[in-house]
Every structure is written in C-alpha cells, then in structure tokens.
All heavy atoms as atom14 arrays in JSON, in Angstrom:
{
  "sequence": "QVAIFDGPIHWHWQNEANSKGFTIEARVADRYHLALRCQACDGLTKTR",
  "atom14_mask": [
    [1, 1, 1, 1, 1, 1, 1, 1, 1, 0, 0, 0, 0, 0],
    [1, 1, 1, 1, 1, 1, 1, 0, 0, 0, 0, 0, 0, 0],
    [1, 1, 1, 1, 1, 0, 0, 0, 0, 0, 0, 0, 0, 0],
    [1, 1, 1, 1, 1, 1, 1, 1, 0, 0, 0, 0, 0, 0],
    [1, 1, 1, 1, 1, 1, 1, 1, 1, 1, 1, 0, 0, 0],
    [1, 1, 1, 1, 1, 1, 1, 1, 0, 0, 0, 0, 0, 0],
    [1, 1, 1, 1, 0, 0, 0, 0, 0, 0, 0, 0, 0, 0],
    [1, 1, 1, 1, 1, 1, 1, 0, 0, 0, 0, 0, 0, 0],
    [1, 1, 1, 1, 1, 1, 1, 1, 0, 0, 0, 0, 0, 0],
    [1, 1, 1, 1, 1, 1, 1, 1, 1, 1, 0, 0, 0, 0],
    [1, 1, 1, 1, 1, 1, 1, 1, 1, 1, 1, 1, 1, 1],
    [1, 1, 1, 1, 1, 1, 1, 1, 1, 1, 0, 0, 0, 0],
    [1, 1, 1, 1, 1, 1, 1, 1, 1, 1, 1, 1, 1, 1],
    [1, 1, 1, 1, 1, 1, 1, 1, 1, 0, 0, 0, 0, 0],
    [1, 1, 1, 1, 1, 1, 1, 1, 0, 0, 0, 0, 0, 0],
    [1, 1, 1, 1, 1, 1, 1, 1, 1, 0, 0, 0, 0, 0],
    [1, 1, 1, 1, 1, 0, 0, 0, 0, 0, 0, 0, 0, 0],
    [1, 1, 1, 1, 1, 1, 1, 1, 0, 0, 0, 0, 0, 0],
    [1, 1, 1, 1, 1, 1, 0, 0, 0, 0, 0, 0, 0, 0],
    [1, 1, 1, 1, 1, 1, 1, 1, 1, 0, 0, 0, 0, 0],
    [1, 1, 1, 1, 0, 0, 0, 0, 0, 0, 0, 0, 0, 0],
    [1, 1, 1, 1, 1, 1, 1, 1, 1, 1, 1, 0, 0, 0],
    [1, 1, 1, 1, 1, 1, 1, 0, 0, 0, 0, 0, 0, 0],
    [1, 1, 1, 1, 1, 1, 1, 1, 0, 0, 0, 0, 0, 0],
    [1, 1, 1, 1, 1, 1, 1, 1, 1, 0, 0, 0, 0, 0],
    [1, 1, 1, 1, 1, 0, 0, 0, 0, 0, 0, 0, 0, 0],
    [1, 1, 1, 1, 1, 1, 1, 1, 1, 1, 1, 0, 0, 0],
    [1, 1, 1, 1, 1, 1, 1, 0, 0, 0, 0, 0, 0, 0],
    [1, 1, 1, 1, 1, 0, 0, 0, 0, 0, 0, 0, 0, 0],
    [1, 1, 1, 1, 1, 1, 1, 1, 0, 0, 0, 0, 0, 0],
    [1, 1, 1, 1, 1, 1, 1, 1, 1, 1, 1, 0, 0, 0],
    [1, 1, 1, 1, 1, 1, 1, 1, 1, 1, 1, 1, 0, 0],
    [1, 1, 1, 1, 1, 1, 1, 1, 1, 1, 0, 0, 0, 0],
    [1, 1, 1, 1, 1, 1, 1, 1, 0, 0, 0, 0, 0, 0],
    [1, 1, 1, 1, 1, 0, 0, 0, 0, 0, 0, 0, 0, 0],
    [1, 1, 1, 1, 1, 1, 1, 1, 0, 0, 0, 0, 0, 0],
    [1, 1, 1, 1, 1, 1, 1, 1, 1, 1, 1, 0, 0, 0],
    [1, 1, 1, 1, 1, 1, 0, 0, 0, 0, 0, 0, 0, 0],
    [1, 1, 1, 1, 1, 1, 1, 1, 1, 0, 0, 0, 0, 0],
    [1, 1, 1, 1, 1, 0, 0, 0, 0, 0, 0, 0, 0, 0],
    [1, 1, 1, 1, 1, 1, 0, 0, 0, 0, 0, 0, 0, 0],
    [1, 1, 1, 1, 1, 1, 1, 1, 0, 0, 0, 0, 0, 0],
    [1, 1, 1, 1, 0, 0, 0, 0, 0, 0, 0, 0, 0, 0],
    [1, 1, 1, 1, 1, 1, 1, 1, 0, 0, 0, 0, 0, 0],
    [1, 1, 1, 1, 1, 1, 1, 0, 0, 0, 0, 0, 0, 0],
    [1, 1, 1, 1, 1, 1, 1, 1, 1, 0, 0, 0, 0, 0],
    [1, 1, 1, 1, 1, 1, 1, 0, 0, 0, 0, 0, 0, 0],
    [1, 1, 1, 1, 1, 1, 1, 1, 1, 1, 1, 0, 0, 0]
  ],
  "atom14_positions": [
    [[0.32, -72.87, -58.93], [1.42, -71.95, -59.14], [1.05, -71.06, -60.33], [0.83, -71.55, -61.43], [2.72, -72.71, -59.43], [3.27, -73.48, -58.25], [3.92, -72.58, -57.21], [4.19, -71.41, -57.45], [4.17, -73.13, -56.03], [0.0, 0.0, 0.0], [0.0, 0.0, 0.0], [0.0, 0.0, 0.0], [0.0, 0.0, 0.0], [0.0, 0.0, 0.0]],
    [[0.99, -69.76, -60.11], [0.57, -68.82, -61.14], [1.75, -67.95, -61.53], [2.45, -67.41, -60.66], [-0.6, -67.94, -60.66], [-1.08, -67.02, -61.78], [-1.75, -68.82, -60.17], [0.0, 0.0, 0.0], [0.0, 0.0, 0.0], [0.0, 0.0, 0.0], [0.0, 0.0, 0.0], [0.0, 0.0, 0.0], [0.0, 0.0, 0.0], [0.0, 0.0, 0.0]],
    [[1.97, -67.8, -62.82], [3.1, -67.0, -63.31], [2.88, -65.52, -63.0], [1.78, -65.0, -63.14], [3.26, -67.21, -64.81], [0.0, 0.0, 0.0], [0.0, 0.0, 0.0], [0.0, 0.0, 0.0], [0.0, 0.0, 0.0], [0.0, 0.0, 0.0], [0.0, 0.0, 0.0], [0.0, 0.0, 0.0], [0.0, 0.0, 0.0], [0.0, 0.0, 0.0]],
    [[3.95, -64.87, -62.57], [3.91, -63.43, -62.31], [4.09, -62.68, -63.63], [4.96, -63.01, -64.43], [4.99, -63.02, -61.3], [4.65, -63.58, -59.92], [5.14, -61.51, -61.23], [5.68, -63.27, -58.85], [0.0, 0.0, 0.0], [0.0, 0.0, 0.0], [0.0, 0.0, 0.0], [0.0, 0.0, 0.0], [0.0, 0.0, 0.0], [0.0, 0.0, 0.0]],
    [[3.22, -61.7, -63.85], [3.32, -60.87, -65.05], [4.16, -59.65, -64.73], [3.9, -58.93, -63.77], [1.92, -60.46, -65.5], [1.9, -59.57, -66.71], [2.04, -60.11, -67.97], [1.74, -58.2, -66.58], [2.02, -59.3, -69.1], [1.72, -57.38, -67.69], [1.86, -57.93, -68.96], [0.0, 0.0, 0.0], [0.0, 0.0, 0.0], [0.0, 0.0, 0.0]],
    [[5.16, -59.41, -65.54], [6.08, -58.29, -65.31], [5.45, -56.99, -65.8], [5.38, -56.73, -67.0], [7.4, -58.55, -66.04], [8.45, -57.48, -65.7], [8.25, -56.77, -64.69], [9.45, -57.38, -66.44], [0.0, 0.0, 0.0], [0.0, 0.0, 0.0], [0.0, 0.0, 0.0], [0.0, 0.0, 0.0], [0.0, 0.0, 0.0], [0.0, 0.0, 0.0]],
    [[4.94, -56.22, -64.85], [4.32, -54.96, -65.21], [4.12, -54.11, -63.97], [4.14, -54.61, -62.84], [0.0, 0.0, 0.0], [0.0, 0.0, 0.0], [0.0, 0.0, 0.0], [0.0, 0.0, 0.0], [0.0, 0.0, 0.0], [0.0, 0.0, 0.0], [0.0, 0.0, 0.0], [0.0, 0.0, 0.0], [0.0, 0.0, 0.0], [0.0, 0.0, 0.0]],
    [[3.93, -52.82, -64.14], [3.77, -51.93, -62.98], [2.44, -52.12, -62.27], [1.45, -52.52, -62.87], [3.86, -50.53, -63.61], [3.34, -50.73, -65.01], [3.81, -52.08, -65.42], [0.0, 0.0, 0.0], [0.0, 0.0, 0.0], [0.0, 0.0, 0.0], [0.0, 0.0, 0.0], [0.0, 0.0, 0.0], [0.0, 0.0, 0.0], [0.0, 0.0, 0.0]],
    [[2.45, -51.85, -60.97], [1.22, -51.83, -60.17], [0.94, -50.35, -59.87], [1.64, -49.72, -59.09], [1.37, -52.64, -58.88], [1.67, -54.1, -59.2], [0.11, -52.53, -58.02], [1.99, -54.95, -57.98], [0.0, 0.0, 0.0], [0.0, 0.0, 0.0], [0.0, 0.0, 0.0], [0.0, 0.0, 0.0], [0.0, 0.0, 0.0], [0.0, 0.0, 0.0]],
    [[-0.06, -49.82, -60.5], [-0.34, -48.39, -60.38], [-0.92, -48.04, -59.01], [-1.63, -48.85, -58.4], [-1.29, -47.95, -61.5], [-0.72, -48.18, -62.88], [0.35, -47.46, -63.37], [-1.05, -49.07, -63.84], [0.64, -47.88, -64.59], [-0.2, -48.87, -64.91], [0.0, 0.0, 0.0], [0.0, 0.0, 0.0], [0.0, 0.0, 0.0], [0.0, 0.0, 0.0]],
    [[-0.63, -46.85, -58.56], [-1.02, -46.45, -57.21], [-2.53, -46.43, -57.02], [-3.03, -46.78, -55.94], [-0.42, -45.08, -56.87], [-0.95, -43.95, -57.72], [-0.42, -43.47, -58.87], [-2.13, -43.18, -57.45], [-1.18, -42.46, -59.38], [-2.23, -42.24, -58.51], [-3.08, -43.16, -56.44], [-3.28, -41.32, -58.59], [-4.12, -42.24, -56.51], [-4.22, -41.33, -57.58]],
    [[-3.27, -46.04, -58.07], [-4.73, -45.99, -57.9], [-5.33, -47.4, -57.85], [-6.4, -47.6, -57.27], [-5.39, -45.15, -59.0], [-5.21, -45.65, -60.39], [-4.02, -45.52, -61.07], [-6.06, -46.28, -61.23], [-4.15, -46.04, -62.28], [-5.38, -46.52, -62.41], [0.0, 0.0, 0.0], [0.0, 0.0, 0.0], [0.0, 0.0, 0.0], [0.0, 0.0, 0.0]],
    [[-4.65, -48.39, -58.43], [-5.08, -49.78, -58.25], [-4.92, -50.19, -56.79], [-5.81, -50.79, -56.19], [-4.26, -50.72, -59.12], [-4.37, -50.54, -60.59], [-5.19, -49.67, -61.26], [-3.63, -51.24, -61.58], [-5.0, -49.78, -62.61], [-4.04, -50.75, -62.84], [-2.64, -52.23, -61.54], [-3.52, -51.21, -64.04], [-2.12, -52.7, -62.74], [-2.56, -52.19, -63.98]],
    [[-3.75, -49.85, -56.23], [-3.47, -50.22, -54.85], [-4.43, -49.53, -53.89], [-4.91, -50.14, -52.92], [-2.03, -49.87, -54.51], [-1.47, -50.52, -53.26], [-1.32, -52.03, -53.39], [-2.24, -52.77, -53.05], [-0.16, -52.47, -53.86], [0.0, 0.0, 0.0], [0.0, 0.0, 0.0], [0.0, 0.0, 0.0], [0.0, 0.0, 0.0], [0.0, 0.0, 0.0]],
    [[-4.74, -48.28, -54.16], [-5.71, -47.55, -53.31], [-7.08, -48.21, -53.36], [-7.77, -48.33, -52.35], [-5.8, -46.09, -53.74], [-4.58, -45.28, -53.36], [-3.78, -45.72, -52.53], [-4.42, -44.1, -53.96], [0.0, 0.0, 0.0], [0.0, 0.0, 0.0], [0.0, 0.0, 0.0], [0.0, 0.0, 0.0], [0.0, 0.0, 0.0], [0.0, 0.0, 0.0]],
    [[-7.46, -48.61, -54.57], [-8.77, -49.28, -54.72], [-8.79, -50.6, -53.96], [-9.78, -50.94, -53.29], [-9.06, -49.52, -56.2], [-10.46, -50.01, -56.51], [-11.52, -48.94, -56.35], [-11.16, -47.73, -56.33], [-12.71, -49.29, -56.22], [0.0, 0.0, 0.0], [0.0, 0.0, 0.0], [0.0, 0.0, 0.0], [0.0, 0.0, 0.0], [0.0, 0.0, 0.0]],
    [[-7.69, -51.34, -54.05], [-7.61, -52.62, -53.34], [-7.67, -52.4, -51.83], [-8.38, -53.12, -51.11], [-6.32, -53.35, -53.72], [0.0, 0.0, 0.0], [0.0, 0.0, 0.0], [0.0, 0.0, 0.0], [0.0, 0.0, 0.0], [0.0, 0.0, 0.0], [0.0, 0.0, 0.0], [0.0, 0.0, 0.0], [0.0, 0.0, 0.0], [0.0, 0.0, 0.0]],
    [[-6.93, -51.4, -51.31], [-6.93, -51.13, -49.87], [-8.33, -50.75, -49.38], [-8.74, -51.13, -48.28], [-5.95, -50.0, -49.56], [-4.51, -50.43, -49.7], [-4.2, -51.62, -49.55], [-3.61, -49.49, -50.01], [0.0, 0.0, 0.0], [0.0, 0.0, 0.0], [0.0, 0.0, 0.0], [0.0, 0.0, 0.0], [0.0, 0.0, 0.0], [0.0, 0.0, 0.0]],
    [[-9.06, -50.01, -50.2], [-10.41, -49.58, -49.79], [-11.38, -50.75, -49.72], [-12.43, -50.65, -49.09], [-10.94, -48.52, -50.76], [-11.23, -49.09, -52.03], [0.0, 0.0, 0.0], [0.0, 0.0, 0.0], [0.0, 0.0, 0.0], [0.0, 0.0, 0.0], [0.0, 0.0, 0.0], [0.0, 0.0, 0.0], [0.0, 0.0, 0.0], [0.0, 0.0, 0.0]],
    [[-11.02, -51.86, -50.36], [-11.9, -53.03, -50.4], [-11.33, -54.2, -49.6], [-11.8, -55.34, -49.72], [-12.14, -53.44, -51.85], [-12.91, -52.38, -52.63], [-13.07, -52.72, -54.1], [-13.89, -51.63, -54.8], [-14.03, -51.9, -56.26], [0.0, 0.0, 0.0], [0.0, 0.0, 0.0], [0.0, 0.0, 0.0], [0.0, 0.0, 0.0], [0.0, 0.0, 0.0]],
    [[-10.34, -53.93, -48.75], [-9.83, -54.95, -47.84], [-8.75, -55.84, -48.4], [-8.51, -56.93, -47.89], [0.0, 0.0, 0.0], [0.0, 0.0, 0.0], [0.0, 0.0, 0.0], [0.0, 0.0, 0.0], [0.0, 0.0, 0.0], [0.0, 0.0, 0.0], [0.0, 0.0, 0.0], [0.0, 0.0, 0.0], [0.0, 0.0, 0.0], [0.0, 0.0, 0.0]],
    [[-8.05, -55.38, -49.44], [-7.01, -56.2, -50.06], [-5.74, -55.37, -50.28], [-5.76, -54.15, -50.23], [-7.47, -56.75, -51.41], [-8.59, -57.73, -51.32], [-9.92, -57.3, -51.39], [-8.35, -59.09, -51.17], [-10.96, -58.21, -51.33], [-9.38, -60.0, -51.1], [-10.69, -59.56, -51.18], [0.0, 0.0, 0.0], [0.0, 0.0, 0.0], [0.0, 0.0, 0.0]],
    [[-4.66, -56.08, -50.56], [-3.41, -55.49, -50.99], [-2.97, -56.21, -52.25], [-3.02, -57.45, -52.31], [-2.32, -55.62, -49.92], [-2.75, -54.98, -48.72], [-1.01, -54.98, -50.39], [0.0, 0.0, 0.0], [0.0, 0.0, 0.0], [0.0, 0.0, 0.0], [0.0, 0.0, 0.0], [0.0, 0.0, 0.0], [0.0, 0.0, 0.0], [0.0, 0.0, 0.0]],
    [[-2.55, -55.46, -53.27], [-2.09, -56.1, -54.5], [-0.69, -56.67, -54.27], [0.24, -55.95, -53.97], [-2.07, -55.11, -55.67], [-3.47, -54.55, -55.93], [-1.54, -55.79, -56.94], [-3.52, -53.48, -57.02], [0.0, 0.0, 0.0], [0.0, 0.0, 0.0], [0.0, 0.0, 0.0], [0.0, 0.0, 0.0], [0.0, 0.0, 0.0], [0.0, 0.0, 0.0]],
    [[-0.6, -57.99, -54.39], [0.68, -58.67, -54.18], [1.51, -58.68, -55.45], [2.73, -58.53, -55.41], [0.42, -60.11, -53.71], [1.65, -60.85, -53.23], [2.07, -60.43, -51.83], [1.33, -59.67, -51.17], [3.14, -60.88, -51.39], [0.0, 0.0, 0.0], [0.0, 0.0, 0.0], [0.0, 0.0, 0.0], [0.0, 0.0, 0.0], [0.0, 0.0, 0.0]],
    [[0.85, -58.89, -56.59], [1.57, -58.96, -57.86], [0.56, -58.96, -59.0], [-0.64, -59.19, -58.79], [2.44, -60.22, -57.93], [0.0, 0.0, 0.0], [0.0, 0.0, 0.0], [0.0, 0.0, 0.0], [0.0, 0.0, 0.0], [0.0, 0.0, 0.0], [0.0, 0.0, 0.0], [0.0, 0.0, 0.0], [0.0, 0.0, 0.0], [0.0, 0.0, 0.0]],
    [[1.06, -58.69, -60.18], [0.27, -58.92, -61.39], [0.58, -60.34, -61.85], [1.75, -60.77, -61.84], [0.63, -57.9, -62.47], [0.28, -56.48, -62.09], [0.67, -55.47, -63.15], [-0.17, -55.59, -64.35], [-0.13, -54.73, -65.37], [0.72, -53.69, -65.33], [-0.91, -54.89, -66.41], [0.0, 0.0, 0.0], [0.0, 0.0, 0.0], [0.0, 0.0, 0.0]],
    [[-0.44, -61.09, -62.23], [-0.22, -62.51, -62.52], [-0.9, -62.91, -63.82], [-1.86, -62.27, -64.27], [-0.76, -63.4, -61.38], [0.03, -63.18, -60.1], [-2.24, -63.16, -61.13], [0.0, 0.0, 0.0], [0.0, 0.0, 0.0], [0.0, 0.0, 0.0], [0.0, 0.0, 0.0], [0.0, 0.0, 0.0], [0.0, 0.0, 0.0], [0.0, 0.0, 0.0]],
    [[-0.39, -63.98, -64.4], [-0.96, -64.65, -65.57], [-0.86, -63.78, -66.84], [-0.26, -64.18, -67.83], [-2.39, -65.08, -65.33], [0.0, 0.0, 0.0], [0.0, 0.0, 0.0], [0.0, 0.0, 0.0], [0.0, 0.0, 0.0], [0.0, 0.0, 0.0], [0.0, 0.0, 0.0], [0.0, 0.0, 0.0], [0.0, 0.0, 0.0], [0.0, 0.0, 0.0]],
    [[-1.47, -62.61, -66.82], [-1.43, -61.69, -67.95], [-1.68, -60.29, -67.42], [-1.79, -60.08, -66.22], [-2.46, -62.09, -69.02], [-3.86, -62.25, -68.44], [-4.27, -61.42, -67.6], [-4.57, -63.21, -68.83], [0.0, 0.0, 0.0], [0.0, 0.0, 0.0], [0.0, 0.0, 0.0], [0.0, 0.0, 0.0], [0.0, 0.0, 0.0], [0.0, 0.0, 0.0]],
    [[-1.78, -59.32, -68.31], [-1.92, -57.94, -67.86], [-3.3, -57.62, -67.29], [-3.52, -56.51, -66.81], [-1.6, -56.99, -69.01], [-2.52, -57.08, -70.22], [-1.9, -56.32, -71.39], [-2.75, -56.33, -72.58], [-3.59, -55.36, -72.91], [-3.69, -54.3, -72.13], [-4.31, -55.44, -74.01], [0.0, 0.0, 0.0], [0.0, 0.0, 0.0], [0.0, 0.0, 0.0]],
    [[-4.2, -58.59, -67.33], [-5.56, -58.34, -66.86], [-5.82, -58.89, -65.46], [-6.91, -58.7, -64.93], [-6.57, -58.97, -67.83], [-6.46, -58.47, -69.25], [-5.93, -59.29, -70.25], [-6.86, -57.19, -69.59], [-5.83, -58.84, -71.56], [-6.76, -56.72, -70.89], [-6.23, -57.55, -71.87], [-6.12, -57.09, -73.16], [0.0, 0.0, 0.0], [0.0, 0.0, 0.0]],
    [[-4.88, -59.61, -64.84], [-5.14, -60.27, -63.56], [-4.17, -59.82, -62.48], [-3.01, -59.48, -62.76], [-5.06, -61.79, -63.72], [-6.21, -62.37, -64.47], [-6.22, -62.45, -65.84], [-7.39, -62.89, -64.04], [-7.36, -63.0, -66.23], [-8.08, -63.28, -65.17], [0.0, 0.0, 0.0], [0.0, 0.0, 0.0], [0.0, 0.0, 0.0], [0.0, 0.0, 0.0]],
    [[-4.66, -59.87, -61.23], [-3.89, -59.49, -60.06], [-3.96, -60.59, -59.01], [-4.93, -61.34, -58.94], [-4.44, -58.2, -59.45], [-4.54, -56.96, -60.35], [-5.34, -55.88, -59.63], [-3.15, -56.46, -60.71], [0.0, 0.0, 0.0], [0.0, 0.0, 0.0], [0.0, 0.0, 0.0], [0.0, 0.0, 0.0], [0.0, 0.0, 0.0], [0.0, 0.0, 0.0]],
    [[-2.92, -60.65, -58.18], [-2.96, -61.49, -56.98], [-3.24, -60.56, -55.81], [-2.43, -59.7, -55.48], [-1.64, -62.21, -56.79], [0.0, 0.0, 0.0], [0.0, 0.0, 0.0], [0.0, 0.0, 0.0], [0.0, 0.0, 0.0], [0.0, 0.0, 0.0], [0.0, 0.0, 0.0], [0.0, 0.0, 0.0], [0.0, 0.0, 0.0], [0.0, 0.0, 0.0]],
    [[-4.42, -60.73, -55.21], [-4.82, -59.88, -54.1], [-4.63, -60.62, -52.79], [-5.03, -61.78, -52.65], [-6.29, -59.48, -54.23], [-6.7, -58.69, -55.49], [-8.17, -58.33, -55.41], [-5.85, -57.45, -55.66], [0.0, 0.0, 0.0], [0.0, 0.0, 0.0], [0.0, 0.0, 0.0], [0.0, 0.0, 0.0], [0.0, 0.0, 0.0], [0.0, 0.0, 0.0]],
    [[-4.01, -59.96, -51.81], [-3.85, -60.53, -50.48], [-4.91, -59.96, -49.57], [-5.04, -58.74, -49.42], [-2.46, -60.26, -49.92], [-2.21, -60.98, -48.59], [-0.78, -60.86, -48.13], [0.16, -61.49, -49.04], [0.39, -62.8, -49.08], [-0.26, -63.62, -48.27], [1.3, -63.28, -49.92], [0.0, 0.0, 0.0], [0.0, 0.0, 0.0], [0.0, 0.0, 0.0]],
    [[-5.7, -60.84, -48.96], [-6.8, -60.42, -48.08], [-6.21, -59.87, -46.77], [-5.38, -60.5, -46.13], [-7.71, -61.6, -47.8], [-9.07, -61.23, -46.67], [0.0, 0.0, 0.0], [0.0, 0.0, 0.0], [0.0, 0.0, 0.0], [0.0, 0.0, 0.0], [0.0, 0.0, 0.0], [0.0, 0.0, 0.0], [0.0, 0.0, 0.0], [0.0, 0.0, 0.0]],
    [[-6.67, -58.72, -46.37], [-6.2, -58.11, -45.13], [-6.81, -58.76, -43.89], [-6.35, -58.53, -42.78], [-6.5, -56.61, -45.16], [-5.75, -55.86, -46.25], [-6.17, -54.41, -46.39], [-7.08, -53.95, -45.68], [-5.54, -53.68, -47.31], [0.0, 0.0, 0.0], [0.0, 0.0, 0.0], [0.0, 0.0, 0.0], [0.0, 0.0, 0.0], [0.0, 0.0, 0.0]],
    [[-7.83, -59.6, -44.1], [-8.48, -60.28, -42.97], [-7.83, -61.63, -42.68], [-7.56, -61.97, -41.52], [-9.97, -60.46, -43.24], [0.0, 0.0, 0.0], [0.0, 0.0, 0.0], [0.0, 0.0, 0.0], [0.0, 0.0, 0.0], [0.0, 0.0, 0.0], [0.0, 0.0, 0.0], [0.0, 0.0, 0.0], [0.0, 0.0, 0.0], [0.0, 0.0, 0.0]],
    [[-7.57, -62.43, -43.73], [-7.05, -63.78, -43.51], [-5.64, -63.98, -44.06], [-5.05, -65.04, -43.85], [-7.99, -64.81, -44.15], [-7.91, -64.86, -45.96], [0.0, 0.0, 0.0], [0.0, 0.0, 0.0], [0.0, 0.0, 0.0], [0.0, 0.0, 0.0], [0.0, 0.0, 0.0], [0.0, 0.0, 0.0], [0.0, 0.0, 0.0], [0.0, 0.0, 0.0]],
    [[-5.11, -63.02, -44.79], [-3.77, -63.06, -45.36], [-3.67, -64.04, -46.52], [-2.57, -64.36, -46.99], [-2.72, -63.41, -44.31], [-1.32, -62.95, -44.7], [-1.19, -61.82, -45.22], [-0.36, -63.73, -44.52], [0.0, 0.0, 0.0], [0.0, 0.0, 0.0], [0.0, 0.0, 0.0], [0.0, 0.0, 0.0], [0.0, 0.0, 0.0], [0.0, 0.0, 0.0]],
    [[-4.82, -64.52, -47.01], [-4.81, -65.44, -48.15], [-4.75, -64.7, -49.47], [-5.06, -63.5, -49.56], [0.0, 0.0, 0.0], [0.0, 0.0, 0.0], [0.0, 0.0, 0.0], [0.0, 0.0, 0.0], [0.0, 0.0, 0.0], [0.0, 0.0, 0.0], [0.0, 0.0, 0.0], [0.0, 0.0, 0.0], [0.0, 0.0, 0.0], [0.0, 0.0, 0.0]],
    [[-4.36, -65.41, -50.53], [-4.24, -64.84, -51.86], [-5.38, -65.28, -52.75], [-5.84, -66.43, -52.69], [-2.91, -65.24, -52.51], [-1.64, -64.57, -51.96], [-0.41, -65.21, -52.6], [-1.66, -63.08, -52.22], [0.0, 0.0, 0.0], [0.0, 0.0, 0.0], [0.0, 0.0, 0.0], [0.0, 0.0, 0.0], [0.0, 0.0, 0.0], [0.0, 0.0, 0.0]],
    [[-5.84, -64.37, -53.61], [-6.89, -64.65, -54.56], [-6.53, -64.05, -55.91], [-6.06, -62.91, -55.98], [-8.24, -64.03, -54.1], [-8.61, -64.59, -52.84], [-9.34, -64.29, -55.11], [0.0, 0.0, 0.0], [0.0, 0.0, 0.0], [0.0, 0.0, 0.0], [0.0, 0.0, 0.0], [0.0, 0.0, 0.0], [0.0, 0.0, 0.0], [0.0, 0.0, 0.0]],
    [[-6.73, -64.82, -56.97], [-6.52, -64.31, -58.32], [-7.79, -63.62, -58.78], [-8.87, -64.23, -58.79], [-6.15, -65.46, -59.26], [-5.94, -65.03, -60.7], [-5.68, -66.25, -61.59], [-5.61, -65.86, -63.06], [-5.45, -67.05, -63.93], [0.0, 0.0, 0.0], [0.0, 0.0, 0.0], [0.0, 0.0, 0.0], [0.0, 0.0, 0.0], [0.0, 0.0, 0.0]],
    [[-7.66, -62.35, -59.19], [-8.83, -61.55, -59.54], [-8.53, -60.72, -60.79], [-7.41, -60.23, -60.96], [-9.22, -60.6, -58.4], [-9.42, -61.36, -57.21], [-10.49, -59.83, -58.72], [0.0, 0.0, 0.0], [0.0, 0.0, 0.0], [0.0, 0.0, 0.0], [0.0, 0.0, 0.0], [0.0, 0.0, 0.0], [0.0, 0.0, 0.0], [0.0, 0.0, 0.0]],
    [[-9.51, -60.54, -61.63], [-9.36, -59.66, -62.78], [-9.27, -58.21, -62.32], [-9.95, -57.8, -61.37], [-10.53, -59.82, -63.75], [-10.54, -61.13, -64.52], [-11.67, -61.16, -65.53], [-11.47, -60.16, -66.58], [-10.79, -60.37, -67.71], [-10.25, -61.56, -67.94], [-10.65, -59.42, -68.61], [0.0, 0.0, 0.0], [0.0, 0.0, 0.0], [0.0, 0.0, 0.0]]
  ]
}
C-alpha cells in the first residue's frame, strides 16, 4: 500500500507516459514518484 502524494499531474507528464505505454494513475510516496498503469496488462508500477 503506497501513500498518494497530493500534487498536480502535469499534461506533459501524461503525454510522455502515453507515448511509452503507460497512464499516470497518481503521484505517490513523494513528489518524485508516480504510479504508472500499464496499457498492456493494466498493472501498476511505482516509478520515479
């Protein structure tokens, strides 16, 4: 269980994620990490 970080998800982050096969689900842990949802398997991954 990872804590959600309260902060904006900028559009250029989301565009970058979409171009690489992911969707940003949330900002997590701190301002440096994201929860990415894989567009292939629908699984979540914590990524800087």
